[in-house]
Amino acid sequence: MLRIVSLRLLIFTILFASRLLLAAQTPVAAPVPVQILSAKKVFISNAGTDSMSMMVFKRAGDPDQPYNQFYAAMKSWGKYEIVSAPADADLIFEIRFTAPVGQYGSISIAEPQLGLTLRDVKTHFILWTFVEPVQGAFRKGTWEKNFAEGMSNLMADLRHLTASTVATADSTPK
């Protein structure tokens, strides 16, 4: 009798553990807001830069470099119609560039990054946010290469998200 109970307990434990392992191996994808997946028109907003970054961009001769390059990347992608007024858009894409200072012991290091926020036009709620680091550089050519790589990574993030087929449970925008 004890042997049968032990065997049943062992089988139950194995089945339960295997079910937990199987569930852990196949994570369920969180839904992407339907507004992102169904949008056709976007307004691109220049959310600017922080003061330290602004000085660097002004010295380089293009204080709106993040906005200009993001706008150009979106135009060349062609997925969305870019509109000139927020009221005409399905989504608002806010592009920004910041260089928050990170503390590493007694050393402070600027950590440049591109940020993109996707907002719903009707509710003004943030639907999604991306942040991509941009390697710092001392040479202009290296900086341009690093900035282009950061922008390319940001666009890849956006492409990946919009290629998703997992929408929210209620798939009709209100």
C-alpha atoms as a PDB file:
ATOM      1  CA  MET A   1       0.000   0.000   0.000  1.00  0.00           C
ATOM      2  CA  LEU A   2       2.819   2.396   0.927  1.00  0.00           C
ATOM      3  CA  ARG A   3       4.571   1.496  -2.312  1.00  0.00           C
ATOM      4  CA  ILE A   4       1.443   2.370  -4.401  1.00  0.00           C
ATOM      5  CA  VAL A   5       1.015   5.710  -2.596  1.00  0.00           C
ATOM      6  CA  SER A   6       4.709   6.502  -3.086  1.00  0.00           C
ATOM      7  CA  LEU A   7       4.490   5.601  -6.775  1.00  0.00           C
ATOM      8  CA  ARG A   8       1.398   7.781  -7.269  1.00  0.00           C
ATOM      9  CA  LEU A   9       3.072  10.659  -5.455  1.00  0.00           C
ATOM     10  CA  LEU A  10       6.169  10.274  -7.631  1.00  0.00           C
ATOM     11  CA  ILE A  11       4.089  10.240 -10.846  1.00  0.00           C
ATOM     12  CA  PHE A  12       2.090  13.276  -9.707  1.00  0.00           C
ATOM     13  CA  THR A  13       5.298  15.150  -8.851  1.00  0.00           C
ATOM     14  CA  ILE A  14       6.871  14.342 -12.223  1.00  0.00           C
ATOM     15  CA  LEU A  15       3.746  15.387 -14.136  1.00  0.00           C
ATOM     16  CA  PHE A  16       3.373  18.598 -12.115  1.00  0.00           C
ATOM     17  CA  ALA A  17       7.060  19.502 -12.509  1.00  0.00           C
ATOM     18  CA  SER A  18       7.018  18.797 -16.249  1.00  0.00           C
ATOM     19  CA  ARG A  19       3.932  20.987 -16.652  1.00  0.00           C
ATOM     20  CA  LEU A  20       5.670  23.829 -14.795  1.00  0.00           C
ATOM     21  CA  LEU A  21       8.773  23.434 -16.968  1.00  0.00           C
ATOM     22  CA  LEU A  22       6.687  23.436 -20.136  1.00  0.00           C
ATOM     23  CA  ALA A  23       4.837  26.575 -19.029  1.00  0.00           C
ATOM     24  CA  ALA A  24       8.138  28.289 -18.193  1.00  0.00           C
ATOM     25  CA  GLN A  25       9.546  27.470 -21.633  1.00  0.00           C
ATOM     26  CA  THR A  26       6.643  28.965 -23.597  1.00  0.00           C
ATOM     27  CA  PRO A  27       6.036  32.458 -22.253  1.00  0.00           C
ATOM     28  CA  VAL A  28       2.856  34.159 -23.336  1.00  0.00           C
ATOM     29  CA  ALA A  29       3.505  37.334 -25.318  1.00  0.00           C
ATOM     30  CA  ALA A  30       2.010  40.419 -23.722  1.00  0.00           C
ATOM     31  CA  PRO A  31      -0.439  42.234 -25.980  1.00  0.00           C
ATOM     32  CA  VAL A  32       0.558  45.203 -28.110  1.00  0.00           C
ATOM     33  CA  PRO A  33      -2.013  48.025 -27.958  1.00  0.00           C
ATOM     34  CA  VAL A  34      -4.287  47.807 -30.981  1.00  0.00           C
ATOM     35  CA  GLN A  35      -3.785  51.519 -31.707  1.00  0.00           C
ATOM     36  CA  ILE A  36      -0.138  50.762 -32.552  1.00  0.00           C
ATOM     37  CA  LEU A  37      -0.996  47.865 -34.828  1.00  0.00           C
ATOM     38  CA  SER A  38      -3.814  49.622 -36.680  1.00  0.00           C
ATOM     39  CA  ALA A  39      -2.309  53.108 -37.085  1.00  0.00           C
ATOM     40  CA  LYS A  40      -1.885  54.454 -40.603  1.00  0.00           C
ATOM     41  CA  LYS A  41      -0.983  58.107 -39.929  1.00  0.00           C
ATOM     42  CA  VAL A  42       1.547  59.462 -37.454  1.00  0.00           C
ATOM     43  CA  PHE A  43       2.625  62.881 -36.289  1.00  0.00           C
ATOM     44  CA  ILE A  44       6.301  63.118 -35.343  1.00  0.00           C
ATOM     45  CA  SER A  45       6.915  65.355 -32.362  1.00  0.00           C
ATOM     46  CA  ASN A  46      10.322  66.774 -31.449  1.00  0.00           C
ATOM     47  CA  ALA A  47      10.549  66.254 -27.684  1.00  0.00           C
ATOM     48  CA  GLY A  48      13.999  67.840 -27.813  1.00  0.00           C
ATOM     49  CA  THR A  49      17.177  67.206 -25.897  1.00  0.00           C
ATOM     50  CA  ASP A  50      18.499  67.870 -22.438  1.00  0.00           C
ATOM     51  CA  SER A  51      20.681  70.952 -21.925  1.00  0.00           C
ATOM     52  CA  MET A  52      24.013  69.114 -22.085  1.00  0.00           C
ATOM     53  CA  SER A  53      23.077  67.370 -25.337  1.00  0.00           C
ATOM     54  CA  MET A  54      21.702  70.571 -26.854  1.00  0.00           C
ATOM     55  CA  MET A  55      25.099  72.249 -26.497  1.00  0.00           C
ATOM     56  CA  VAL A  56      26.789  69.352 -28.286  1.00  0.00           C
ATOM     57  CA  PHE A  57      24.262  69.300 -31.150  1.00  0.00           C
ATOM     58  CA  LYS A  58      24.468  73.098 -31.549  1.00  0.00           C
ATOM     59  CA  ARG A  59      28.259  72.925 -31.718  1.00  0.00           C
ATOM     60  CA  ALA A  60      27.980  70.191 -34.342  1.00  0.00           C
ATOM     61  CA  GLY A  61      25.722  72.464 -36.389  1.00  0.00           C
ATOM     62  CA  ASP A  62      22.426  70.536 -36.189  1.00  0.00           C
ATOM     63  CA  PRO A  63      20.521  71.145 -32.941  1.00  0.00           C
ATOM     64  CA  ASP A  64      17.605  69.061 -34.295  1.00  0.00           C
ATOM     65  CA  GLN A  65      19.687  66.086 -35.447  1.00  0.00           C
ATOM     66  CA  PRO A  66      17.643  63.452 -33.543  1.00  0.00           C
ATOM     67  CA  TYR A  67      14.342  64.780 -34.943  1.00  0.00           C
ATOM     68  CA  ASN A  68      15.691  65.258 -38.479  1.00  0.00           C
ATOM     69  CA  GLN A  69      17.241  61.795 -38.684  1.00  0.00           C
ATOM     70  CA  PHE A  70      14.219  60.071 -37.144  1.00  0.00           C
ATOM     71  CA  TYR A  71      11.898  61.890 -39.559  1.00  0.00           C
ATOM     72  CA  ALA A  72      14.089  60.822 -42.490  1.00  0.00           C
ATOM     73  CA  ALA A  73      14.183  57.210 -41.238  1.00  0.00           C
ATOM     74  CA  MET A  74      10.385  57.138 -40.892  1.00  0.00           C
ATOM     75  CA  LYS A  75       9.930  58.619 -44.398  1.00  0.00           C
ATOM     76  CA  SER A  76      12.238  56.043 -45.954  1.00  0.00           C
ATOM     77  CA  TRP A  77      10.525  53.172 -44.083  1.00  0.00           C
ATOM     78  CA  GLY A  78       7.194  54.197 -45.589  1.00  0.00           C
ATOM     79  CA  LYS A  79       4.970  52.221 -43.208  1.00  0.00           C
ATOM     80  CA  TYR A  80       3.099  55.312 -42.035  1.00  0.00           C
ATOM     81  CA  GLU A  81       1.795  58.455 -43.639  1.00  0.00           C
ATOM     82  CA  ILE A  82       3.473  61.316 -41.788  1.00  0.00           C
ATOM     83  CA  VAL A  83       1.019  64.139 -41.172  1.00  0.00           C
ATOM     84  CA  SER A  84       1.719  67.761 -40.292  1.00  0.00           C
ATOM     85  CA  ALA A  85      -0.800  68.124 -37.446  1.00  0.00           C
ATOM     86  CA  PRO A  86      -1.423  65.900 -34.414  1.00  0.00           C
ATOM     87  CA  ALA A  87      -5.191  66.051 -34.949  1.00  0.00           C
ATOM     88  CA  ASP A  88      -4.769  64.313 -38.335  1.00  0.00           C
ATOM     89  CA  ALA A  89      -2.775  61.405 -36.856  1.00  0.00           C
ATOM     90  CA  ASP A  90      -3.636  58.031 -35.346  1.00  0.00           C
ATOM     91  CA  LEU A  91      -0.503  58.104 -33.173  1.00  0.00           C
ATOM     92  CA  ILE A  92       2.074  60.622 -32.023  1.00  0.00           C
ATOM     93  CA  PHE A  93       5.734  59.582 -32.064  1.00  0.00           C
ATOM     94  CA  GLU A  94       7.827  61.708 -29.699  1.00  0.00           C
ATOM     95  CA  ILE A  95      11.551  61.529 -30.416  1.00  0.00           C
ATOM     96  CA  ARG A  96      14.066  62.809 -27.863  1.00  0.00           C
ATOM     97  CA  PHE A  97      17.754  62.632 -27.044  1.00  0.00           C
ATOM     98  CA  THR A  98      19.154  62.747 -23.521  1.00  0.00           C
ATOM     99  CA  ALA A  99      22.466  62.056 -21.849  1.00  0.00           C
ATOM    100  CA  PRO A 100      21.743  61.209 -18.225  1.00  0.00           C
ATOM    101  CA  VAL A 101      24.779  61.026 -15.990  1.00  0.00           C
ATOM    102  CA  GLY A 102      25.552  57.640 -14.488  1.00  0.00           C
ATOM    103  CA  GLN A 103      27.602  57.304 -11.301  1.00  0.00           C
ATOM    104  CA  TYR A 104      30.252  54.595 -11.249  1.00  0.00           C
ATOM    105  CA  GLY A 105      31.916  54.953  -7.894  1.00  0.00           C
ATOM    106  CA  SER A 106      33.525  58.387  -7.946  1.00  0.00           C
ATOM    107  CA  ILE A 107      33.312  58.659 -11.746  1.00  0.00           C
ATOM    108  CA  SER A 108      30.401  60.356 -13.515  1.00  0.00           C
ATOM    109  CA  ILE A 109      29.798  59.350 -17.131  1.00  0.00           C
ATOM    110  CA  ALA A 110      27.218  60.706 -19.575  1.00  0.00           C
ATOM    111  CA  GLU A 111      25.150  57.921 -21.105  1.00  0.00           C
ATOM    112  CA  PRO A 112      23.680  59.280 -24.375  1.00  0.00           C
ATOM    113  CA  GLN A 113      20.446  57.716 -25.531  1.00  0.00           C
ATOM    114  CA  LEU A 114      17.654  58.091 -28.044  1.00  0.00           C
ATOM    115  CA  GLY A 115      14.122  57.790 -26.742  1.00  0.00           C
ATOM    116  CA  LEU A 116      10.872  57.274 -28.596  1.00  0.00           C
ATOM    117  CA  THR A 117       7.430  57.482 -27.013  1.00  0.00           C
ATOM    118  CA  LEU A 118       4.282  56.359 -28.824  1.00  0.00           C
ATOM    119  CA  ARG A 119       1.145  58.224 -27.678  1.00  0.00           C
ATOM    120  CA  ASP A 120      -2.500  57.728 -28.452  1.00  0.00           C
ATOM    121  CA  VAL A 121      -3.894  60.886 -30.088  1.00  0.00           C
ATOM    122  CA  LYS A 122      -7.337  60.637 -28.480  1.00  0.00           C
ATOM    123  CA  THR A 123      -6.337  59.884 -24.880  1.00  0.00           C
ATOM    124  CA  HIS A 124      -2.758  61.243 -24.843  1.00  0.00           C
ATOM    125  CA  PHE A 125      -1.736  58.099 -22.954  1.00  0.00           C
ATOM    126  CA  ILE A 126       1.688  56.610 -23.526  1.00  0.00           C
ATOM    127  CA  LEU A 127       1.244  53.315 -25.367  1.00  0.00           C
ATOM    128  CA  TRP A 128       4.902  52.306 -25.717  1.00  0.00           C
ATOM    129  CA  THR A 129       8.386  53.654 -25.031  1.00  0.00           C
ATOM    130  CA  PHE A 130      11.765  52.719 -26.488  1.00  0.00           C
ATOM    131  CA  VAL A 131      15.239  53.757 -25.336  1.00  0.00           C
ATOM    132  CA  GLU A 132      18.379  52.965 -27.314  1.00  0.00           C
ATOM    133  CA  PRO A 133      21.887  53.841 -26.131  1.00  0.00           C
ATOM    134  CA  VAL A 134      24.234  55.809 -28.366  1.00  0.00           C
ATOM    135  CA  GLN A 135      27.937  55.210 -27.793  1.00  0.00           C
ATOM    136  CA  GLY A 136      29.793  58.398 -26.993  1.00  0.00           C
ATOM    137  CA  ALA A 137      32.757  59.421 -29.124  1.00  0.00           C
ATOM    138  CA  PHE A 138      35.511  62.020 -29.325  1.00  0.00           C
ATOM    139  CA  ARG A 139      35.750  62.139 -33.125  1.00  0.00           C
ATOM    140  CA  LYS A 140      32.951  63.534 -35.287  1.00  0.00           C
ATOM    141  CA  GLY A 141      33.042  60.616 -37.725  1.00  0.00           C
ATOM    142  CA  THR A 142      32.828  58.094 -34.899  1.00  0.00           C
ATOM    143  CA  TRP A 143      29.976  60.037 -33.304  1.00  0.00           C
ATOM    144  CA  GLU A 144      28.034  60.092 -36.581  1.00  0.00           C
ATOM    145  CA  LYS A 145      28.523  56.336 -36.974  1.00  0.00           C
ATOM    146  CA  ASN A 146      27.449  55.692 -33.372  1.00  0.00           C
ATOM    147  CA  PHE A 147      24.435  57.984 -33.682  1.00  0.00           C
ATOM    148  CA  ALA A 148      23.373  56.265 -36.921  1.00  0.00           C
ATOM    149  CA  GLU A 149      23.705  52.884 -35.198  1.00  0.00           C
ATOM    150  CA  GLY A 150      21.534  54.054 -32.280  1.00  0.00           C
ATOM    151  CA  MET A 151      18.914  55.386 -34.705  1.00  0.00           C
ATOM    152  CA  SER A 152      19.027  52.132 -36.682  1.00  0.00           C
ATOM    153  CA  ASN A 153      18.490  50.140 -33.468  1.00  0.00           C
ATOM    154  CA  LEU A 154      15.560  52.377 -32.487  1.00  0.00           C
ATOM    155  CA  MET A 155      13.955  51.854 -35.895  1.00  0.00           C
ATOM    156  CA  ALA A 156      14.525  48.088 -35.590  1.00  0.00           C
ATOM    157  CA  ASP A 157      12.720  48.145 -32.231  1.00  0.00           C
ATOM    158  CA  LEU A 158       9.792  49.977 -33.809  1.00  0.00           C
ATOM    159  CA  ARG A 159       9.676  47.627 -36.807  1.00  0.00           C
ATOM    160  CA  HIS A 160       9.723  44.613 -34.508  1.00  0.00           C
ATOM    161  CA  LEU A 161       6.860  45.977 -32.401  1.00  0.00           C
ATOM    162  CA  THR A 162       4.672  46.889 -35.364  1.00  0.00           C
ATOM    163  CA  ALA A 163       5.267  43.490 -36.960  1.00  0.00           C
ATOM    164  CA  SER A 164       3.676  41.880 -33.904  1.00  0.00           C
ATOM    165  CA  THR A 165       0.382  40.117 -34.393  1.00  0.00           C
ATOM    166  CA  VAL A 166      -0.543  39.972 -30.719  1.00  0.00           C
ATOM    167  CA  ALA A 167      -3.186  42.629 -30.097  1.00  0.00           C
ATOM    168  CA  THR A 168      -5.105  43.369 -26.930  1.00  0.00           C
ATOM    169  CA  ALA A 169      -8.143  41.288 -26.070  1.00  0.00           C
ATOM    170  CA  ASP A 170     -10.442  44.106 -27.188  1.00  0.00           C
ATOM    171  CA  SER A 171      -9.120  44.676 -30.693  1.00  0.00           C
ATOM    172  CA  THR A 172     -11.355  47.584 -31.649  1.00  0.00           C
ATOM    173  CA  PRO A 173     -10.011  51.069 -30.938  1.00  0.00           C
ATOM    174  CA  LYS A 174     -12.494  53.294 -29.133  1.00  0.00           C
END
